[in-house]
Amino acid sequence: MSKTPEFESKPEPSTSPSLEVRTAAGVLRGSREAGLAVFRGIPFAEPPVGAHRFAAPQPLRGWDGVRDAVSYGPPPPQAGAFGMDALSRDGAGDGDWLTVNVWSPDPVPGAGLPVMVWIQGGAYVIGTSGLPEYDGSRLSREGVVVVTFNYRLGIEGFAQIEGAPANRGLLDQVAALRWVRDNIGSFGGDPDRVTVFGESAGGGSIAALLAMPRAAGLFRRAVVLSMPGTFFSPELAADIAAACAAELGLRPTVADLSGVAPSELPAAADATIAKAAQWVDRWGLAAQRSILFAPVVDGDILPVTPWQALADGAGRDIELLVGHTREEQRLFTAIEGMLGEVTEEQAATALRVFAPGPDGARRYRDAFPLAGPDELYELVNSDWLFRMPSLHLAQAQTAAGGRAHVCELTWPAPGMGGVFGACHGLDVPLVFGNLSDSQAAMLIGETPTPEAEALSAHIRSALTAFATHGDPGWPAYDPAQRLVQLFDTPSTVTTYPEEESRVLWQDHVFPALPLIGR
């Protein structure tokens, strides 16, 4: 894409059900939906199959005529978790996964609207932009252009494969952001006011982007929600890739794996995950949590960990907003059927494995003297995987002279009798305002309460304000006062409330996870 896209002449928005926009690759036909211009399934790179399999994303070839952009593109190959593999089973072979979707309240060149680009989570193995929870309509009505997109996952996107670049999923994200830079003006967006926002693996991806030279200049602001602290060394990633390939009787090379249909690869990774306990002596913490894929600190595409990069000043010119939920682990404990069932032995093991430092288990018990096994298990898992990595990202930013705002979601989800608390993922429906889809209903209830609607409106207003002018409505974080926004009913601004955990982890460095056995 070498030239700035131009807007194609089109009928007035209020009278036409469709509209056409000219991008660098060709003309697109979208639709008008409840006052918004909506475009779905726009390719931003060549399909990463055939000669492009396991390669960095390749520049998109243009097309003649008008291309319909009214349906989401196919999902990339998915792991089997939550039945997600069924979404990509049909049509996975065509490889047209790398697509973006756009919602705009004013698709006129020069409108100069702020742009919010969402990167979805899913443990780097599941996720697709076409899920109902990521519909950008309500968020776009706050006056922003919303963009969502797909990127490669699992073995396709993150496995360390001989003959392939590392972090292909992250390179897909860079390619999507370059598409935004080159084309979003045609949709009414301002390419100089791009905010990336994402949750879980999406937040971890954004943290990686902050550290990647290839992503420099592609966004001005970043919202990182519940980022996982898992980043892999090349040795660990290569060993995991070898185990996945061995499930197919193959080596982890482009030559071997290119002969496997994309739709079949996730099953090999799923089989390896099922055996993760067998690999604890080699893979350590990654195996303990059955995490097989993460950004690889390869020294090139991702030179160092995000915390090190920000501490060195890499994000000083990026305005950053970081958040997490209070009970991050609760969702996973529920999925595992362990709510209220954690034994003292299980809690002791979690403290031994995940607490920082040689004396971490004792220090946790001293810091939380009234906590029983369930609470201790939840606290140390929440802190290791999400809460402290997120807080440390903000602290690294401020230590280097950059600006960061911090928030915590403390509102307990009312669904299922309130068992989930302020769990991992609860912020996603609140951010998008999609409170009635099936995923949100499990957490929030079949009929959203006025409290839930009001809290969602507050969060959407804060994030769009941040995307517009860099101020979400509460003070920036500093190491002295440590003021943060607590999203609740009512919401408050107060000193960071997880003080015991902050102190326990204050000297911890989140390194790239190593291969600990040979």
Protein backbone atom coordinates (compact mmCIF):
# COMPACT_ATOMS: atom_id res chain seq x y z
CA MET A 1 0.00 0.00 0.00
CA SER A 2 1.87 3.00 -1.22
CA LYS A 3 -0.68 5.72 -1.56
CA THR A 4 -3.17 7.41 0.69
CA PRO A 5 -6.67 6.03 0.02
CA GLU A 6 -9.34 8.28 -1.38
CA PHE A 7 -13.03 8.38 -0.69
CA GLU A 8 -15.35 7.17 -3.42
CA SER A 9 -18.39 9.35 -4.17
CA LYS A 10 -21.48 7.87 -2.52
CA PRO A 11 -25.08 8.68 -1.64
CA GLU A 12 -26.04 10.50 1.51
CA PRO A 13 -25.77 8.28 4.61
CA SER A 14 -29.35 8.84 5.68
CA THR A 15 -30.87 7.61 2.44
CA SER A 16 -28.76 4.68 1.24
CA PRO A 17 -28.40 1.17 2.69
CA SER A 18 -24.95 0.80 1.16
CA LEU A 19 -21.93 2.94 0.44
CA GLU A 20 -18.61 2.68 -1.33
CA VAL A 21 -15.15 3.62 -0.12
CA ARG A 22 -11.93 3.57 -2.10
CA THR A 23 -8.94 2.11 -0.29
CA ALA A 24 -5.39 1.62 -1.48
CA ALA A 25 -6.24 -1.88 -2.76
CA GLY A 26 -9.59 -1.07 -4.37
CA VAL A 27 -13.19 -0.04 -3.85
CA LEU A 28 -15.24 -1.54 -1.02
CA ARG A 29 -18.99 -1.68 -0.64
CA GLY A 30 -20.20 -1.61 2.96
CA SER A 31 -23.58 -1.09 4.57
CA ARG A 32 -25.37 1.38 6.79
CA GLU A 33 -26.56 0.00 10.07
CA ALA A 34 -28.44 2.16 12.57
CA GLY A 35 -26.65 5.31 11.47
CA LEU A 36 -23.18 3.79 11.21
CA ALA A 37 -21.11 2.89 8.18
CA VAL A 38 -20.03 -0.72 8.61
CA PHE A 39 -17.47 -2.66 6.57
CA ARG A 40 -16.61 -6.28 7.35
CA GLY A 41 -14.12 -8.80 6.07
CA ILE A 42 -11.68 -6.39 4.42
CA PRO A 43 -8.41 -8.16 3.59
CA PHE A 44 -5.27 -6.46 4.87
CA ALA A 45 -2.70 -9.01 3.67
CA GLU A 46 -2.46 -11.95 1.32
CA PRO A 47 -3.84 -15.24 2.70
CA PRO A 48 -0.99 -16.88 4.68
CA VAL A 49 -1.30 -20.26 2.99
CA GLY A 50 0.45 -22.01 0.10
CA ALA A 51 3.71 -20.25 -0.65
CA HIS A 52 2.98 -17.76 2.17
CA ARG A 53 2.42 -20.41 4.85
CA PHE A 54 4.27 -19.54 8.07
CA ALA A 55 5.70 -16.42 6.41
CA ALA A 56 5.42 -12.84 7.54
CA PRO A 57 2.20 -11.29 6.20
CA GLN A 58 2.57 -10.40 2.55
CA PRO A 59 1.38 -7.12 0.95
CA LEU A 60 -2.16 -7.28 -0.35
CA ARG A 61 -2.76 -7.31 -4.09
CA GLY A 62 -5.48 -4.98 -5.27
CA TRP A 63 -8.72 -5.89 -7.02
CA ASP A 64 -10.74 -4.50 -9.89
CA GLY A 65 -14.33 -3.41 -9.54
CA VAL A 66 -16.18 -3.19 -6.25
CA ARG A 67 -15.61 -5.73 -3.47
CA ASP A 68 -18.44 -6.43 -1.05
CA ALA A 69 -17.46 -5.87 2.59
CA VAL A 70 -20.63 -6.90 4.39
CA SER A 71 -19.62 -10.23 6.01
CA TYR A 72 -16.89 -11.12 8.47
CA GLY A 73 -13.91 -12.99 7.08
CA PRO A 74 -13.37 -16.60 8.13
CA PRO A 75 -11.76 -17.22 11.53
CA PRO A 76 -8.15 -18.33 11.67
CA PRO A 77 -7.69 -21.95 12.81
CA GLN A 78 -8.79 -22.27 16.42
CA ALA A 79 -7.95 -24.50 19.36
CA GLY A 80 -10.71 -26.72 20.70
CA ALA A 81 -11.31 -24.72 23.89
CA PHE A 82 -14.98 -23.77 24.33
CA GLY A 83 -15.74 -25.48 21.01
CA MET A 84 -14.00 -22.72 19.08
CA ASP A 85 -12.47 -25.20 16.62
CA ALA A 86 -15.92 -25.67 15.09
CA LEU A 87 -15.88 -22.04 13.92
CA SER A 88 -12.87 -22.54 11.69
CA ARG A 89 -13.41 -26.12 10.56
CA ASP A 90 -15.30 -25.10 7.43
CA GLY A 91 -13.39 -22.96 4.96
CA ALA A 92 -10.16 -22.91 6.94
CA GLY A 93 -8.24 -24.14 3.92
CA ASP A 94 -8.75 -20.99 1.86
CA GLY A 95 -6.66 -19.07 4.36
CA ASP A 96 -8.43 -15.72 3.92
CA TRP A 97 -8.17 -15.07 7.65
CA LEU A 98 -6.37 -11.73 7.69
CA THR A 99 -9.27 -9.29 7.53
CA VAL A 100 -10.36 -6.11 9.29
CA ASN A 101 -13.78 -4.71 10.14
CA VAL A 102 -14.67 -1.03 10.51
CA TRP A 103 -17.52 0.86 12.20
CA SER A 104 -17.66 4.60 11.57
CA PRO A 105 -20.19 7.24 12.60
CA ASP A 106 -18.99 9.66 9.90
CA PRO A 107 -17.20 8.02 6.93
CA VAL A 108 -16.06 11.23 5.31
CA PRO A 109 -12.40 12.00 4.51
CA GLY A 110 -11.20 14.75 6.77
CA ALA A 111 -13.68 13.97 9.56
CA GLY A 112 -10.64 13.31 11.73
CA LEU A 113 -12.32 10.99 14.21
CA PRO A 114 -10.23 9.16 16.80
CA VAL A 115 -9.64 5.51 15.92
CA MET A 116 -9.80 2.56 18.33
CA VAL A 117 -8.27 -0.70 17.10
CA TRP A 118 -9.24 -3.78 19.12
CA ILE A 119 -6.97 -6.81 19.54
CA GLN A 120 -8.93 -9.73 20.96
CA GLY A 121 -7.66 -12.21 23.49
CA GLY A 122 -7.94 -15.97 23.75
CA ALA A 123 -4.65 -17.29 25.16
CA TYR A 124 -3.04 -16.83 21.72
CA VAL A 125 -4.94 -19.96 20.55
CA ILE A 126 -8.58 -18.90 20.11
CA GLY A 127 -10.38 -15.73 19.07
CA THR A 128 -11.86 -14.12 16.01
CA SER A 129 -13.12 -10.62 15.32
CA GLY A 130 -16.50 -11.86 14.13
CA LEU A 131 -17.71 -12.88 17.59
CA PRO A 132 -20.82 -10.98 18.76
CA GLU A 133 -19.06 -9.61 21.83
CA TYR A 134 -16.71 -7.62 19.58
CA ASP A 135 -19.39 -5.86 17.57
CA GLY A 136 -18.22 -2.24 17.50
CA SER A 137 -21.59 -0.52 17.06
CA ARG A 138 -22.22 0.82 20.57
CA LEU A 139 -18.63 1.90 21.05
CA SER A 140 -18.52 3.65 17.67
CA ARG A 141 -21.62 5.66 18.59
CA GLU A 142 -19.45 7.37 21.21
CA GLY A 143 -17.84 9.21 18.28
CA VAL A 144 -14.93 6.97 17.33
CA VAL A 145 -14.02 4.76 14.40
CA VAL A 146 -13.75 1.18 15.70
CA VAL A 147 -11.58 -1.42 13.97
CA THR A 148 -11.34 -5.13 14.77
CA PHE A 149 -9.30 -7.77 12.94
CA ASN A 150 -8.06 -11.35 12.87
CA TYR A 151 -4.50 -12.56 13.37
CA ARG A 152 -2.92 -16.00 13.23
CA LEU A 153 -3.04 -18.08 16.41
CA GLY A 154 -1.48 -21.16 17.93
CA ILE A 155 1.03 -23.01 15.76
CA GLU A 156 0.24 -20.85 12.72
CA GLY A 157 0.90 -17.60 14.57
CA PHE A 158 3.20 -18.20 17.52
CA ALA A 159 5.04 -21.53 17.32
CA GLN A 160 8.82 -21.31 16.96
CA ILE A 161 9.21 -23.04 13.59
CA GLU A 162 12.51 -23.59 11.83
CA GLY A 163 12.56 -21.58 8.59
CA ALA A 164 9.80 -19.18 9.70
CA PRO A 165 9.94 -15.80 11.40
CA ALA A 166 8.99 -15.73 15.06
CA ASN A 167 5.84 -14.02 16.28
CA ARG A 168 3.88 -14.24 13.05
CA GLY A 169 0.69 -13.36 14.91
CA LEU A 170 2.30 -10.14 16.10
CA LEU A 171 3.50 -9.39 12.56
CA ASP A 172 -0.11 -9.81 11.42
CA GLN A 173 -1.09 -7.19 13.99
CA VAL A 174 1.55 -4.81 12.66
CA ALA A 175 0.22 -5.38 9.13
CA ALA A 176 -3.33 -4.59 10.30
CA LEU A 177 -2.11 -1.38 11.94
CA ARG A 178 -0.32 -0.41 8.76
CA TRP A 179 -3.60 -0.94 6.90
CA VAL A 180 -5.25 1.40 9.40
CA ARG A 181 -2.53 4.01 8.89
CA ASP A 182 -2.87 3.85 5.11
CA ASN A 183 -6.65 3.58 4.79
CA ILE A 184 -8.57 4.74 7.85
CA GLY A 185 -8.82 8.31 6.57
CA SER A 186 -11.28 7.08 3.95
CA PHE A 187 -13.56 5.92 6.77
CA GLY A 188 -13.48 9.22 8.64
CA GLY A 189 -10.65 8.29 10.98
CA ASP A 190 -7.52 10.20 11.86
CA PRO A 191 -4.42 8.02 11.28
CA ASP A 192 -2.53 10.21 13.73
CA ARG A 193 -5.01 9.46 16.54
CA VAL A 194 -4.98 5.67 16.70
CA THR A 195 -5.49 3.89 20.02
CA VAL A 196 -4.92 0.16 20.28
CA PHE A 197 -6.93 -1.58 22.98
CA GLY A 198 -7.13 -5.20 23.95
CA GLU A 199 -7.71 -7.67 26.77
CA SER A 200 -5.92 -10.81 27.95
CA ALA A 201 -3.78 -12.11 25.04
CA GLY A 202 -4.88 -8.97 23.21
CA GLY A 203 -3.43 -6.90 26.04
CA GLY A 204 -0.27 -9.00 26.00
CA SER A 205 -0.03 -8.43 22.26
CA ILE A 206 -0.26 -4.67 22.74
CA ALA A 207 2.44 -4.82 25.41
CA ALA A 208 4.59 -6.64 22.85
CA LEU A 209 3.80 -4.05 20.19
CA LEU A 210 5.04 -1.35 22.55
CA ALA A 211 8.39 -3.13 22.53
CA MET A 212 8.56 -3.85 18.79
CA PRO A 213 10.49 -1.50 16.50
CA ARG A 214 8.27 -2.60 13.58
CA ALA A 215 5.22 -1.15 15.37
CA ALA A 216 6.77 2.25 16.10
CA GLY A 217 4.63 5.15 14.94
CA LEU A 218 1.54 3.05 14.19
CA PHE A 219 -0.43 4.11 17.27
CA ARG A 220 -0.45 7.03 19.65
CA ARG A 221 -2.23 5.53 22.66
CA ALA A 222 -2.62 2.06 24.11
CA VAL A 223 -5.12 0.43 26.46
CA VAL A 224 -3.80 -2.81 27.97
CA LEU A 225 -6.35 -4.82 29.96
CA SER A 226 -5.46 -7.93 31.96
CA MET A 227 -2.23 -8.66 30.12
CA PRO A 228 -0.77 -12.10 30.82
CA GLY A 229 2.82 -12.08 32.03
CA THR A 230 3.79 -14.98 29.79
CA PHE A 231 6.52 -14.25 27.26
CA PHE A 232 8.70 -17.12 26.06
CA SER A 233 12.38 -17.55 25.43
CA PRO A 234 13.21 -18.95 21.97
CA GLU A 235 14.45 -22.18 23.56
CA LEU A 236 11.18 -22.78 25.42
CA ALA A 237 9.08 -21.90 22.38
CA ALA A 238 11.13 -24.22 20.17
CA ASP A 239 10.82 -27.12 22.60
CA ILE A 240 7.04 -26.68 22.79
CA ALA A 241 6.84 -26.51 18.99
CA ALA A 242 8.81 -29.75 18.74
CA ALA A 243 6.37 -31.47 21.09
CA CYS A 244 3.39 -30.24 19.05
CA ALA A 245 4.96 -31.39 15.78
CA ALA A 246 5.79 -34.76 17.32
CA GLU A 247 2.07 -35.37 17.83
CA LEU A 248 1.93 -35.55 14.03
CA GLY A 249 5.16 -37.50 13.66
CA LEU A 250 6.84 -34.41 12.22
CA ARG A 251 9.60 -31.94 12.96
CA PRO A 252 8.87 -28.25 13.77
CA THR A 253 9.99 -27.03 10.36
CA VAL A 254 8.25 -25.17 7.56
CA ALA A 255 8.98 -28.08 5.24
CA ASP A 256 7.25 -30.61 7.50
CA LEU A 257 4.33 -28.57 8.82
CA SER A 258 3.40 -26.98 5.49
CA GLY A 259 2.02 -30.34 4.42
CA VAL A 260 -0.53 -30.34 7.24
CA ALA A 261 -3.88 -28.68 6.55
CA PRO A 262 -4.28 -25.54 8.67
CA SER A 263 -7.51 -26.85 10.16
CA GLU A 264 -5.66 -29.92 11.49
CA LEU A 265 -2.78 -28.21 13.27
CA PRO A 266 -4.69 -26.98 16.36
CA ALA A 267 -5.54 -30.57 17.31
CA ALA A 268 -1.82 -31.32 17.67
CA ALA A 269 -1.44 -28.36 20.01
CA ASP A 270 -4.55 -29.40 21.96
CA ALA A 271 -3.09 -32.89 22.40
CA THR A 272 0.12 -31.36 23.73
CA ILE A 273 -1.79 -29.13 26.14
CA ALA A 274 -3.61 -32.19 27.46
CA LYS A 275 -0.21 -33.64 28.38
CA ALA A 276 1.24 -30.41 29.80
CA ALA A 277 1.70 -31.90 33.26
CA GLN A 278 4.25 -34.30 31.77
CA TRP A 279 6.39 -31.34 30.68
CA VAL A 280 6.62 -29.41 33.96
CA ASP A 281 10.28 -30.37 34.46
CA ARG A 282 11.15 -28.82 31.08
CA TRP A 283 8.61 -26.05 30.59
CA GLY A 284 8.11 -24.93 34.18
CA LEU A 285 5.49 -22.27 34.76
CA ALA A 286 4.14 -22.51 31.22
CA ALA A 287 3.31 -26.18 31.75
CA GLN A 288 1.91 -25.51 35.21
CA ARG A 289 -0.76 -23.31 33.62
CA SER A 290 -1.01 -25.28 30.33
CA ILE A 291 0.14 -22.24 28.35
CA LEU A 292 1.83 -23.37 25.13
CA PHE A 293 1.90 -20.17 23.08
CA ALA A 294 2.94 -16.61 23.83
CA PRO A 295 5.03 -13.88 22.22
CA VAL A 296 8.64 -15.00 21.88
CA VAL A 297 11.42 -12.66 22.98
CA ASP A 298 13.52 -13.57 19.97
CA GLY A 299 15.86 -10.56 20.04
CA ASP A 300 14.69 -9.34 16.64
CA ILE A 301 10.96 -8.96 16.12
CA LEU A 302 10.50 -8.71 19.88
CA PRO A 303 13.91 -7.59 21.17
CA VAL A 304 13.17 -7.61 24.92
CA THR A 305 10.23 -8.09 27.26
CA PRO A 306 7.66 -5.26 27.35
CA TRP A 307 8.60 -4.29 30.91
CA GLN A 308 12.25 -3.94 29.96
CA ALA A 309 11.37 -2.03 26.80
CA LEU A 310 9.18 0.46 28.65
CA ALA A 311 11.72 0.86 31.45
CA ASP A 312 14.24 1.72 28.73
CA GLY A 313 11.89 4.40 27.39
CA ALA A 314 10.41 2.63 24.35
CA GLY A 315 6.89 3.81 25.20
CA ARG A 316 7.68 7.26 26.51
CA ASP A 317 5.82 8.93 23.65
CA ILE A 318 2.82 6.58 23.92
CA GLU A 319 0.00 7.45 26.30
CA LEU A 320 -0.81 4.27 28.20
CA LEU A 321 -3.83 3.04 30.13
CA VAL A 322 -3.49 -0.25 32.01
CA GLY A 323 -6.12 -2.19 33.93
CA HIS A 324 -7.04 -5.53 35.43
CA THR A 325 -9.95 -7.07 37.29
CA ARG A 326 -9.95 -7.84 41.00
CA GLU A 327 -10.66 -11.59 40.81
CA GLU A 328 -8.85 -12.48 37.60
CA GLN A 329 -8.41 -16.16 38.48
CA ARG A 330 -12.05 -16.76 39.51
CA LEU A 331 -13.21 -17.55 35.96
CA PHE A 332 -10.58 -20.26 35.51
CA THR A 333 -11.23 -21.75 38.93
CA ALA A 334 -14.90 -22.01 37.98
CA ILE A 335 -14.10 -23.59 34.61
CA GLU A 336 -11.94 -26.16 36.40
CA GLY A 337 -14.79 -26.97 38.82
CA MET A 338 -12.72 -25.88 41.83
CA LEU A 339 -14.80 -23.01 43.23
CA GLY A 340 -14.97 -23.56 46.96
CA GLU A 341 -13.09 -26.84 46.54
CA VAL A 342 -9.43 -25.79 46.68
CA THR A 343 -7.56 -27.93 49.16
CA GLU A 344 -4.79 -26.76 51.45
CA GLU A 345 -2.37 -28.89 49.42
CA GLN A 346 -3.45 -27.24 46.15
CA ALA A 347 -3.10 -23.78 47.69
CA ALA A 348 0.35 -24.66 49.05
CA THR A 349 1.46 -25.91 45.63
CA ALA A 350 0.22 -22.73 43.91
CA LEU A 351 2.08 -20.58 46.42
CA ARG A 352 5.26 -22.62 46.02
CA VAL A 353 5.13 -22.46 42.23
CA PHE A 354 3.92 -18.92 41.53
CA ALA A 355 4.77 -16.71 44.51
CA PRO A 356 7.85 -14.52 43.87
CA GLY A 357 11.16 -15.25 45.51
CA PRO A 358 12.38 -18.18 47.58
CA ASP A 359 10.26 -17.13 50.55
CA GLY A 360 7.19 -16.10 48.56
CA ALA A 361 4.79 -18.69 49.98
CA ARG A 362 5.41 -17.63 53.58
CA ARG A 363 5.19 -13.96 52.67
CA TYR A 364 1.79 -14.51 51.04
CA ARG A 365 0.48 -16.21 54.16
CA ASP A 366 1.85 -13.40 56.33
CA ALA A 367 0.33 -10.73 54.06
CA PHE A 368 -3.08 -12.43 54.04
CA PRO A 369 -3.32 -14.07 57.49
CA LEU A 370 -7.08 -14.64 57.33
CA ALA A 371 -7.10 -16.12 53.82
CA GLY A 372 -8.09 -19.73 53.41
CA PRO A 373 -6.98 -22.10 50.64
CA ASP A 374 -9.47 -20.76 48.07
CA GLU A 375 -8.45 -17.14 48.52
CA LEU A 376 -4.72 -17.86 48.58
CA TYR A 377 -5.00 -19.97 45.43
CA GLU A 378 -6.94 -17.22 43.69
CA LEU A 379 -4.66 -14.42 44.84
CA VAL A 380 -1.34 -15.94 43.77
CA ASN A 381 -2.67 -17.12 40.41
CA SER A 382 -4.33 -13.75 39.71
CA ASP A 383 -1.19 -11.89 40.69
CA TRP A 384 1.26 -14.02 38.71
CA LEU A 385 -0.68 -14.27 35.48
CA PHE A 386 -2.52 -10.94 35.16
CA ARG A 387 -2.61 -8.42 38.00
CA MET A 388 1.07 -7.82 38.69
CA PRO A 389 2.21 -8.02 35.03
CA SER A 390 -0.35 -5.30 34.29
CA LEU A 391 0.66 -3.11 37.22
CA HIS A 392 4.36 -3.54 36.45
CA LEU A 393 3.77 -2.40 32.87
CA ALA A 394 2.36 0.90 34.15
CA GLN A 395 5.18 1.22 36.66
CA ALA A 396 7.81 0.63 33.98
CA GLN A 397 6.21 3.33 31.85
CA THR A 398 6.20 5.90 34.64
CA ALA A 399 9.73 4.99 35.76
CA ALA A 400 11.00 5.97 32.31
CA GLY A 401 9.21 9.31 32.38
CA GLY A 402 6.15 8.22 30.42
CA ARG A 403 2.50 8.65 31.33
CA ALA A 404 0.19 5.87 32.44
CA HIS A 405 -3.31 5.65 33.88
CA VAL A 406 -4.36 2.61 35.90
CA CYS A 407 -7.80 1.15 36.53
CA GLU A 408 -9.22 -1.91 38.25
CA LEU A 409 -12.63 -3.48 37.69
CA THR A 410 -14.03 -4.33 41.12
CA TRP A 411 -17.74 -4.63 40.21
CA PRO A 412 -18.84 -8.22 40.88
CA ALA A 413 -20.61 -9.92 38.00
CA PRO A 414 -24.20 -10.64 39.04
CA GLY A 415 -24.70 -13.65 36.75
CA MET A 416 -24.89 -17.23 38.08
CA GLY A 417 -25.58 -15.99 41.59
CA GLY A 418 -22.51 -13.77 41.67
CA VAL A 419 -19.98 -16.62 41.83
CA PHE A 420 -17.66 -15.04 39.27
CA GLY A 421 -16.93 -11.80 41.09
CA ALA A 422 -14.91 -9.29 39.08
CA CYS A 423 -13.40 -12.09 37.03
CA HIS A 424 -11.17 -12.24 33.99
CA GLY A 425 -13.05 -11.19 30.85
CA LEU A 426 -15.84 -9.32 32.62
CA ASP A 427 -14.48 -6.04 31.27
CA VAL A 428 -14.96 -7.04 27.60
CA PRO A 429 -18.79 -6.74 27.43
CA LEU A 430 -18.61 -3.59 29.53
CA VAL A 431 -16.06 -2.02 27.16
CA PHE A 432 -18.10 -2.79 24.04
CA GLY A 433 -21.52 -2.33 25.61
CA ASN A 434 -22.68 -5.70 24.29
CA LEU A 435 -24.31 -6.88 27.48
CA SER A 436 -26.90 -9.25 26.03
CA ASP A 437 -24.91 -11.72 23.92
CA SER A 438 -24.51 -15.26 25.23
CA GLN A 439 -21.00 -14.74 26.58
CA ALA A 440 -22.02 -11.65 28.53
CA ALA A 441 -25.23 -13.26 29.79
CA MET A 442 -23.28 -15.89 31.70
CA LEU A 443 -21.50 -13.17 33.66
CA ILE A 444 -24.01 -10.34 33.73
CA GLY A 445 -27.34 -12.17 33.53
CA GLU A 446 -29.94 -12.60 30.81
CA THR A 447 -31.31 -9.09 31.36
CA PRO A 448 -28.65 -6.44 32.08
CA THR A 449 -29.46 -4.35 35.12
CA PRO A 450 -29.51 -0.55 35.05
CA GLU A 451 -26.31 -0.71 37.14
CA ALA A 452 -24.58 -2.78 34.47
CA GLU A 453 -25.73 -0.45 31.70
CA ALA A 454 -24.56 2.61 33.64
CA LEU A 455 -21.17 1.07 34.41
CA SER A 456 -20.69 0.09 30.78
CA ALA A 457 -21.56 3.63 29.68
CA HIS A 458 -19.01 5.01 32.16
CA ILE A 459 -16.27 2.69 30.91
CA ARG A 460 -17.03 3.42 27.25
CA SER A 461 -16.98 7.14 27.97
CA ALA A 462 -13.64 6.88 29.76
CA LEU A 463 -11.97 4.85 27.02
CA THR A 464 -13.25 7.00 24.18
CA ALA A 465 -12.18 10.13 26.06
CA PHE A 466 -8.72 8.62 26.42
CA ALA A 467 -8.67 7.80 22.70
CA THR A 468 -9.77 11.34 21.88
CA HIS A 469 -7.47 13.47 24.03
CA GLY A 470 -5.48 11.17 26.33
CA ASP A 471 -7.42 11.84 29.55
CA PRO A 472 -9.78 9.08 30.76
CA GLY A 473 -11.06 11.20 33.62
CA TRP A 474 -8.76 10.31 36.51
CA PRO A 475 -5.17 11.25 37.44
CA ALA A 476 -2.15 9.56 35.93
CA TYR A 477 -0.46 6.92 38.06
CA ASP A 478 2.61 7.94 40.03
CA PRO A 479 4.71 5.87 42.44
CA ALA A 480 3.98 8.17 45.39
CA GLN A 481 0.19 8.49 45.40
CA ARG A 482 -0.64 5.46 43.19
CA LEU A 483 -4.09 6.78 42.32
CA VAL A 484 -6.25 4.46 40.23
CA GLN A 485 -9.82 4.34 38.96
CA LEU A 486 -11.95 1.60 40.48
CA PHE A 487 -14.81 0.74 38.14
CA ASP A 488 -17.73 -0.25 40.33
CA THR A 489 -21.16 1.01 41.34
CA PRO A 490 -20.31 3.62 42.38
CA SER A 491 -16.88 4.10 40.83
CA THR A 492 -14.17 5.83 42.82
CA VAL A 493 -10.63 7.12 42.47
CA THR A 494 -8.41 5.84 45.25
CA THR A 495 -4.96 4.52 46.10
CA TYR A 496 -4.25 1.22 44.33
CA PRO A 497 -6.13 -1.23 46.54
CA GLU A 498 -4.05 -4.39 46.06
CA GLU A 499 -1.30 -3.04 48.27
CA GLU A 500 -0.27 -6.35 49.83
CA SER A 501 0.23 -7.91 46.40
CA ARG A 502 2.02 -4.82 45.10
CA VAL A 503 4.56 -5.02 47.93
CA LEU A 504 5.01 -8.78 47.55
CA TRP A 505 5.86 -8.36 43.86
CA GLN A 506 7.66 -5.01 43.91
CA ASP A 507 11.12 -6.47 43.35
CA HIS A 508 10.08 -9.16 40.89
CA VAL A 509 11.28 -9.01 37.29
CA PHE A 510 9.06 -10.74 34.73
CA PRO A 511 11.61 -12.49 32.50
CA ALA A 512 11.01 -14.43 29.33
CA LEU A 513 10.08 -17.90 30.58
CA PRO A 514 13.03 -20.26 30.09
CA LEU A 515 13.43 -23.86 29.07
CA ILE A 516 14.46 -25.34 32.41
CA GLY A 517 15.30 -28.90 31.36
CA ARG A 518 17.22 -30.24 28.39
